[in-house]
Amino acid sequence: MSTANPSPLWQPTDEVVAQAQVTKFQAWAAEEHGAPSGGGYAALHRWSVDELDTFWKAVTEWFDVRFPTPYTRVLGDRSMPGAQWFPGATVNYAEHALRAAETRADEPALLYVDETHEAVPVTWSDLRRQVGSLAAELRALGVRPGDRVSGYLPNIPQAVVALLATAAVGGVWTSCAPDFGARSVLDRFQQIEPVVLFTVDGYRYGGKE
């Protein structure tokens, strides 16, 4: 707000408001879950506070959150701090991160650019295939949910694949860059005792190997 002119500096047009995702969500939630159909954002916010369980159930449906193991209720414990959401449910990050492969298989999921400044695309289908292959290998190596997996890697597509493959099998991922000194790397990785370590034999910086 301007002190000289108390009117808003910018307001969305009616068309922009109508096309906003939150407007579409409110209309859908009104039809499916009894949210207020009018009143705009303020009414939707009030409903989200008054009908906490219903609101968050609607959010998971709107965003198509996939629960391999279903939840028993939305809010199991309202204590703050310590609220328990969706008890009994499981969610896999890799599954959700790779969902775009279902509809955008040939579009780039990653654009890798190194010091040569040449962008190398990795499509969604390629990324999902590589993640699936590596996840199968991690399982064959005995990696189980909760196991820690480390990456001593630069910012390369393979690091993304390793992260997602770890998430796919329920592992916990941690990483640091190859320019970290040995002491720093040991301090980080020794604490978590990884069962698998991904690494490289070198990296490039400033044109030097």
C-alpha atoms as a PDB file:
ATOM      1  CA  MET A   1       0.000   0.000   0.000  1.00  0.00           C
ATOM      2  CA  SER A   2       1.200   3.511  -0.756  1.00  0.00           C
ATOM      3  CA  THR A   3       1.034   5.992   2.139  1.00  0.00           C
ATOM      4  CA  ALA A   4       0.049   8.750  -0.309  1.00  0.00           C
ATOM      5  CA  ASN A   5      -2.559   6.581  -2.009  1.00  0.00           C
ATOM      6  CA  PRO A   6      -4.124   3.887   0.190  1.00  0.00           C
ATOM      7  CA  SER A   7      -5.538   1.947  -2.772  1.00  0.00           C
ATOM      8  CA  PRO A   8      -3.822  -1.356  -3.675  1.00  0.00           C
ATOM      9  CA  LEU A   9      -0.835  -1.008  -5.989  1.00  0.00           C
ATOM     10  CA  TRP A  10      -2.070  -4.003  -8.006  1.00  0.00           C
ATOM     11  CA  GLN A  11      -5.156  -6.152  -8.193  1.00  0.00           C
ATOM     12  CA  PRO A  12      -5.802  -9.176 -10.375  1.00  0.00           C
ATOM     13  CA  THR A  13      -8.478  -8.833 -12.987  1.00  0.00           C
ATOM     14  CA  ASP A  14     -11.676 -10.835 -12.704  1.00  0.00           C
ATOM     15  CA  GLU A  15     -10.379 -13.037 -15.512  1.00  0.00           C
ATOM     16  CA  VAL A  16      -7.134 -13.758 -13.675  1.00  0.00           C
ATOM     17  CA  VAL A  17      -9.053 -14.592 -10.492  1.00  0.00           C
ATOM     18  CA  ALA A  18     -11.397 -16.895 -12.386  1.00  0.00           C
ATOM     19  CA  GLN A  19      -8.466 -18.791 -13.927  1.00  0.00           C
ATOM     20  CA  ALA A  20      -6.471 -19.095 -10.692  1.00  0.00           C
ATOM     21  CA  GLN A  21      -5.938 -22.625  -9.389  1.00  0.00           C
ATOM     22  CA  VAL A  22      -7.187 -21.655  -5.935  1.00  0.00           C
ATOM     23  CA  THR A  23     -10.467 -20.464  -7.500  1.00  0.00           C
ATOM     24  CA  LYS A  24     -10.829 -23.754  -9.340  1.00  0.00           C
ATOM     25  CA  PHE A  25     -10.045 -25.642  -6.159  1.00  0.00           C
ATOM     26  CA  GLN A  26     -12.704 -23.729  -4.240  1.00  0.00           C
ATOM     27  CA  ALA A  27     -15.356 -24.469  -6.864  1.00  0.00           C
ATOM     28  CA  TRP A  28     -14.429 -28.161  -6.860  1.00  0.00           C
ATOM     29  CA  ALA A  29     -14.299 -28.341  -3.045  1.00  0.00           C
ATOM     30  CA  ALA A  30     -17.723 -26.675  -2.847  1.00  0.00           C
ATOM     31  CA  GLU A  31     -19.174 -29.366  -5.061  1.00  0.00           C
ATOM     32  CA  GLU A  32     -17.327 -32.325  -3.543  1.00  0.00           C
ATOM     33  CA  HIS A  33     -16.820 -31.368   0.114  1.00  0.00           C
ATOM     34  CA  GLY A  34     -19.220 -28.576   1.023  1.00  0.00           C
ATOM     35  CA  ALA A  35     -16.773 -25.674   0.905  1.00  0.00           C
ATOM     36  CA  PRO A  36     -18.318 -22.205   0.467  1.00  0.00           C
ATOM     37  CA  SER A  37     -18.931 -21.550  -3.204  1.00  0.00           C
ATOM     38  CA  GLY A  38     -18.751 -17.779  -2.777  1.00  0.00           C
ATOM     39  CA  GLY A  39     -16.812 -15.314  -0.709  1.00  0.00           C
ATOM     40  CA  GLY A  40     -13.494 -15.809  -2.434  1.00  0.00           C
ATOM     41  CA  TYR A  41     -10.248 -16.565  -0.670  1.00  0.00           C
ATOM     42  CA  ALA A  42     -11.395 -15.262   2.717  1.00  0.00           C
ATOM     43  CA  ALA A  43     -14.298 -17.703   2.803  1.00  0.00           C
ATOM     44  CA  LEU A  44     -12.085 -20.573   1.684  1.00  0.00           C
ATOM     45  CA  HIS A  45      -9.542 -19.736   4.386  1.00  0.00           C
ATOM     46  CA  ARG A  46     -12.257 -19.629   7.057  1.00  0.00           C
ATOM     47  CA  TRP A  47     -13.507 -23.041   5.912  1.00  0.00           C
ATOM     48  CA  SER A  48      -9.991 -24.465   6.041  1.00  0.00           C
ATOM     49  CA  VAL A  49      -9.765 -23.415   9.711  1.00  0.00           C
ATOM     50  CA  ASP A  50     -13.277 -24.452  10.755  1.00  0.00           C
ATOM     51  CA  GLU A  51     -13.299 -27.758   8.858  1.00  0.00           C
ATOM     52  CA  LEU A  52      -9.676 -28.811   9.245  1.00  0.00           C
ATOM     53  CA  ASP A  53     -10.051 -32.515   8.478  1.00  0.00           C
ATOM     54  CA  THR A  54     -12.336 -31.985   5.494  1.00  0.00           C
ATOM     55  CA  PHE A  55     -10.092 -29.284   4.042  1.00  0.00           C
ATOM     56  CA  TRP A  56      -6.927 -31.397   4.137  1.00  0.00           C
ATOM     57  CA  LYS A  57      -8.754 -34.448   2.808  1.00  0.00           C
ATOM     58  CA  ALA A  58      -9.880 -32.253  -0.092  1.00  0.00           C
ATOM     59  CA  VAL A  59      -6.320 -31.029  -0.649  1.00  0.00           C
ATOM     60  CA  THR A  60      -4.968 -34.586  -0.964  1.00  0.00           C
ATOM     61  CA  GLU A  61      -7.700 -35.459  -3.446  1.00  0.00           C
ATOM     62  CA  TRP A  62      -7.239 -32.257  -5.487  1.00  0.00           C
ATOM     63  CA  PHE A  63      -3.498 -32.890  -5.813  1.00  0.00           C
ATOM     64  CA  ASP A  64      -3.991 -36.626  -6.349  1.00  0.00           C
ATOM     65  CA  VAL A  65      -1.758 -37.610  -3.440  1.00  0.00           C
ATOM     66  CA  ARG A  66      -1.318 -41.356  -3.753  1.00  0.00           C
ATOM     67  CA  PHE A  67      -1.191 -43.356  -0.546  1.00  0.00           C
ATOM     68  CA  PRO A  68       0.159 -46.901  -1.086  1.00  0.00           C
ATOM     69  CA  THR A  69      -1.051 -47.537   2.464  1.00  0.00           C
ATOM     70  CA  PRO A  70      -4.275 -45.641   3.240  1.00  0.00           C
ATOM     71  CA  TYR A  71      -4.715 -43.412   6.255  1.00  0.00           C
ATOM     72  CA  THR A  72      -7.153 -44.234   9.051  1.00  0.00           C
ATOM     73  CA  ARG A  73      -8.148 -40.604   9.627  1.00  0.00           C
ATOM     74  CA  VAL A  74      -6.936 -37.185   8.546  1.00  0.00           C
ATOM     75  CA  LEU A  75      -5.817 -35.772  11.891  1.00  0.00           C
ATOM     76  CA  GLY A  76      -4.948 -38.386  14.466  1.00  0.00           C
ATOM     77  CA  ASP A  77      -3.690 -36.059  17.175  1.00  0.00           C
ATOM     78  CA  ARG A  78      -4.347 -32.306  17.348  1.00  0.00           C
ATOM     79  CA  SER A  79      -1.683 -31.649  19.993  1.00  0.00           C
ATOM     80  CA  MET A  80       0.629 -28.750  19.238  1.00  0.00           C
ATOM     81  CA  PRO A  81       3.467 -29.328  18.924  1.00  0.00           C
ATOM     82  CA  GLY A  82       3.205 -32.953  17.857  1.00  0.00           C
ATOM     83  CA  ALA A  83       0.095 -33.048  15.668  1.00  0.00           C
ATOM     84  CA  GLN A  84      -0.199 -36.345  13.812  1.00  0.00           C
ATOM     85  CA  TRP A  85      -1.433 -36.157  10.235  1.00  0.00           C
ATOM     86  CA  PHE A  86      -2.855 -39.041   8.203  1.00  0.00           C
ATOM     87  CA  PRO A  87      -1.887 -41.841  10.647  1.00  0.00           C
ATOM     88  CA  GLY A  88      -1.324 -45.163   8.928  1.00  0.00           C
ATOM     89  CA  ALA A  89      -0.627 -43.627   5.524  1.00  0.00           C
ATOM     90  CA  THR A  90       2.536 -43.971   3.491  1.00  0.00           C
ATOM     91  CA  VAL A  91       3.632 -41.734   0.614  1.00  0.00           C
ATOM     92  CA  ASN A  92       6.535 -42.273  -1.759  1.00  0.00           C
ATOM     93  CA  TYR A  93       8.284 -39.122  -2.899  1.00  0.00           C
ATOM     94  CA  ALA A  94       9.820 -40.717  -5.998  1.00  0.00           C
ATOM     95  CA  GLU A  95       6.443 -41.938  -7.223  1.00  0.00           C
ATOM     96  CA  HIS A  96       5.039 -38.427  -7.065  1.00  0.00           C
ATOM     97  CA  ALA A  97       8.163 -36.760  -8.468  1.00  0.00           C
ATOM     98  CA  LEU A  98       8.067 -39.017 -11.535  1.00  0.00           C
ATOM     99  CA  ARG A  99       4.337 -38.853 -12.244  1.00  0.00           C
ATOM    100  CA  ALA A 100       4.903 -36.414 -15.098  1.00  0.00           C
ATOM    101  CA  ALA A 101       6.303 -39.346 -17.087  1.00  0.00           C
ATOM    102  CA  GLU A 102       2.732 -40.600 -17.457  1.00  0.00           C
ATOM    103  CA  THR A 103       1.681 -37.605 -19.556  1.00  0.00           C
ATOM    104  CA  ARG A 104       4.929 -35.882 -20.619  1.00  0.00           C
ATOM    105  CA  ALA A 105       7.180 -38.839 -21.369  1.00  0.00           C
ATOM    106  CA  ASP A 106       9.191 -37.162 -24.131  1.00  0.00           C
ATOM    107  CA  GLU A 107       9.520 -33.738 -22.509  1.00  0.00           C
ATOM    108  CA  PRO A 108      12.684 -32.784 -20.614  1.00  0.00           C
ATOM    109  CA  ALA A 109      12.623 -33.559 -16.906  1.00  0.00           C
ATOM    110  CA  LEU A 110      16.166 -32.255 -16.463  1.00  0.00           C
ATOM    111  CA  LEU A 111      18.333 -29.845 -18.437  1.00  0.00           C
ATOM    112  CA  TYR A 112      21.920 -30.512 -17.444  1.00  0.00           C
ATOM    113  CA  VAL A 113      24.387 -27.721 -18.169  1.00  0.00           C
ATOM    114  CA  ASP A 114      28.078 -27.921 -17.260  1.00  0.00           C
ATOM    115  CA  GLU A 115      30.970 -25.568 -17.981  1.00  0.00           C
ATOM    116  CA  THR A 116      30.666 -26.212 -21.717  1.00  0.00           C
ATOM    117  CA  HIS A 117      27.261 -24.445 -21.533  1.00  0.00           C
ATOM    118  CA  GLU A 118      25.667 -27.136 -23.694  1.00  0.00           C
ATOM    119  CA  ALA A 119      22.290 -28.147 -22.306  1.00  0.00           C
ATOM    120  CA  VAL A 120      21.787 -31.921 -22.211  1.00  0.00           C
ATOM    121  CA  PRO A 121      18.136 -32.918 -21.710  1.00  0.00           C
ATOM    122  CA  VAL A 122      16.967 -35.990 -19.826  1.00  0.00           C
ATOM    123  CA  THR A 123      13.356 -36.845 -20.663  1.00  0.00           C
ATOM    124  CA  TRP A 124      10.801 -37.913 -18.101  1.00  0.00           C
ATOM    125  CA  SER A 125      10.679 -41.418 -19.587  1.00  0.00           C
ATOM    126  CA  ASP A 126      14.481 -41.747 -19.456  1.00  0.00           C
ATOM    127  CA  LEU A 127      14.584 -40.450 -15.904  1.00  0.00           C
ATOM    128  CA  ARG A 128      11.897 -42.871 -14.737  1.00  0.00           C
ATOM    129  CA  ARG A 129      13.629 -45.765 -16.491  1.00  0.00           C
ATOM    130  CA  GLN A 130      16.989 -44.957 -14.915  1.00  0.00           C
ATOM    131  CA  VAL A 131      15.459 -44.510 -11.472  1.00  0.00           C
ATOM    132  CA  GLY A 132      13.584 -47.800 -11.759  1.00  0.00           C
ATOM    133  CA  SER A 133      16.724 -49.638 -12.833  1.00  0.00           C
ATOM    134  CA  LEU A 134      18.823 -48.216 -10.019  1.00  0.00           C
ATOM    135  CA  ALA A 135      16.091 -48.779  -7.439  1.00  0.00           C
ATOM    136  CA  ALA A 136      16.009 -52.453  -8.431  1.00  0.00           C
ATOM    137  CA  GLU A 137      19.779 -52.639  -7.963  1.00  0.00           C
ATOM    138  CA  LEU A 138      19.567 -50.992  -4.546  1.00  0.00           C
ATOM    139  CA  ARG A 139      16.984 -53.552  -3.477  1.00  0.00           C
ATOM    140  CA  ALA A 140      19.250 -56.330  -4.779  1.00  0.00           C
ATOM    141  CA  LEU A 141      22.051 -54.881  -2.641  1.00  0.00           C
ATOM    142  CA  GLY A 142      19.794 -55.190   0.386  1.00  0.00           C
ATOM    143  CA  VAL A 143      18.811 -51.550   0.875  1.00  0.00           C
ATOM    144  CA  ARG A 144      15.655 -51.377   2.970  1.00  0.00           C
ATOM    145  CA  PRO A 145      13.339 -48.572   4.111  1.00  0.00           C
ATOM    146  CA  GLY A 146      15.133 -46.361   6.603  1.00  0.00           C
ATOM    147  CA  ASP A 147      18.633 -47.260   5.384  1.00  0.00           C
ATOM    148  CA  ARG A 148      20.909 -44.333   4.628  1.00  0.00           C
ATOM    149  CA  VAL A 149      22.440 -43.829   1.188  1.00  0.00           C
ATOM    150  CA  SER A 150      25.116 -41.204   0.529  1.00  0.00           C
ATOM    151  CA  GLY A 151      26.238 -39.351  -2.565  1.00  0.00           C
ATOM    152  CA  TYR A 152      29.678 -37.759  -2.903  1.00  0.00           C
ATOM    153  CA  LEU A 153      28.657 -36.210  -6.202  1.00  0.00           C
ATOM    154  CA  PRO A 154      28.612 -33.003  -8.253  1.00  0.00           C
ATOM    155  CA  ASN A 155      25.380 -31.572  -9.657  1.00  0.00           C
ATOM    156  CA  ILE A 156      24.909 -34.110 -12.446  1.00  0.00           C
ATOM    157  CA  PRO A 157      21.826 -36.031 -13.651  1.00  0.00           C
ATOM    158  CA  GLN A 158      23.128 -39.206 -12.032  1.00  0.00           C
ATOM    159  CA  ALA A 159      22.868 -37.510  -8.642  1.00  0.00           C
ATOM    160  CA  VAL A 160      19.153 -36.905  -9.245  1.00  0.00           C
ATOM    161  CA  VAL A 161      18.719 -40.532 -10.310  1.00  0.00           C
ATOM    162  CA  ALA A 162      20.467 -41.752  -7.168  1.00  0.00           C
ATOM    163  CA  LEU A 163      18.341 -39.506  -4.946  1.00  0.00           C
ATOM    164  CA  LEU A 164      15.073 -40.656  -6.523  1.00  0.00           C
ATOM    165  CA  ALA A 165      16.098 -44.325  -6.534  1.00  0.00           C
ATOM    166  CA  THR A 166      16.923 -44.056  -2.843  1.00  0.00           C
ATOM    167  CA  ALA A 167      13.529 -42.480  -2.175  1.00  0.00           C
ATOM    168  CA  ALA A 168      11.826 -45.160  -4.258  1.00  0.00           C
ATOM    169  CA  VAL A 169      13.068 -47.916  -1.944  1.00  0.00           C
ATOM    170  CA  GLY A 170      12.325 -45.876   1.178  1.00  0.00           C
ATOM    171  CA  GLY A 171      15.919 -44.968   1.953  1.00  0.00           C
ATOM    172  CA  VAL A 172      17.239 -41.720   3.394  1.00  0.00           C
ATOM    173  CA  TRP A 173      19.473 -39.697   1.064  1.00  0.00           C
ATOM    174  CA  THR A 174      22.322 -37.413   2.054  1.00  0.00           C
ATOM    175  CA  SER A 175      24.983 -35.876  -0.137  1.00  0.00           C
ATOM    176  CA  CYS A 176      27.863 -33.440  -0.379  1.00  0.00           C
ATOM    177  CA  ALA A 177      29.879 -32.047  -3.258  1.00  0.00           C
ATOM    178  CA  PRO A 178      33.280 -33.431  -4.316  1.00  0.00           C
ATOM    179  CA  ASP A 179      34.958 -30.138  -3.475  1.00  0.00           C
ATOM    180  CA  PHE A 180      34.297 -30.801   0.206  1.00  0.00           C
ATOM    181  CA  GLY A 181      37.460 -31.726   2.053  1.00  0.00           C
ATOM    182  CA  ALA A 182      37.910 -35.289   3.260  1.00  0.00           C
ATOM    183  CA  ARG A 183      37.421 -34.329   6.906  1.00  0.00           C
ATOM    184  CA  SER A 184      34.109 -32.628   6.206  1.00  0.00           C
ATOM    185  CA  VAL A 185      32.862 -35.592   4.204  1.00  0.00           C
ATOM    186  CA  LEU A 186      33.825 -38.052   6.934  1.00  0.00           C
ATOM    187  CA  ASP A 187      32.219 -35.904   9.628  1.00  0.00           C
ATOM    188  CA  ARG A 188      28.945 -35.948   7.729  1.00  0.00           C
ATOM    189  CA  PHE A 189      28.823 -39.530   6.500  1.00  0.00           C
ATOM    190  CA  GLN A 190      30.242 -41.261   9.582  1.00  0.00           C
ATOM    191  CA  GLN A 191      27.348 -39.924  11.651  1.00  0.00           C
ATOM    192  CA  ILE A 192      24.716 -41.620   9.523  1.00  0.00           C
ATOM    193  CA  GLU A 193      26.546 -44.849   8.586  1.00  0.00           C
ATOM    194  CA  PRO A 194      25.366 -45.189   4.959  1.00  0.00           C
ATOM    195  CA  VAL A 195      24.936 -48.674   3.540  1.00  0.00           C
ATOM    196  CA  VAL A 196      25.709 -47.480  -0.007  1.00  0.00           C
ATOM    197  CA  LEU A 197      27.970 -44.665  -1.220  1.00  0.00           C
ATOM    198  CA  PHE A 198      27.743 -43.157  -4.698  1.00  0.00           C
ATOM    199  CA  THR A 199      30.831 -41.248  -5.753  1.00  0.00           C
ATOM    200  CA  VAL A 200      32.878 -40.010  -8.709  1.00  0.00           C
ATOM    201  CA  ASP A 201      36.603 -40.208  -9.400  1.00  0.00           C
ATOM    202  CA  GLY A 202      36.909 -36.485 -10.055  1.00  0.00           C
ATOM    203  CA  TYR A 203      35.136 -33.338 -11.116  1.00  0.00           C
ATOM    204  CA  ARG A 204      35.697 -30.242 -13.236  1.00  0.00           C
ATOM    205  CA  TYR A 205      35.876 -26.702 -11.922  1.00  0.00           C
ATOM    206  CA  GLY A 206      37.060 -23.576 -13.661  1.00  0.00           C
ATOM    207  CA  GLY A 207      38.094 -25.582 -16.711  1.00  0.00           C
ATOM    208  CA  LYS A 208      40.321 -27.888 -14.690  1.00  0.00           C
ATOM    209  CA  GLU A 209      39.912 -31.579 -13.998  1.00  0.00           C
END
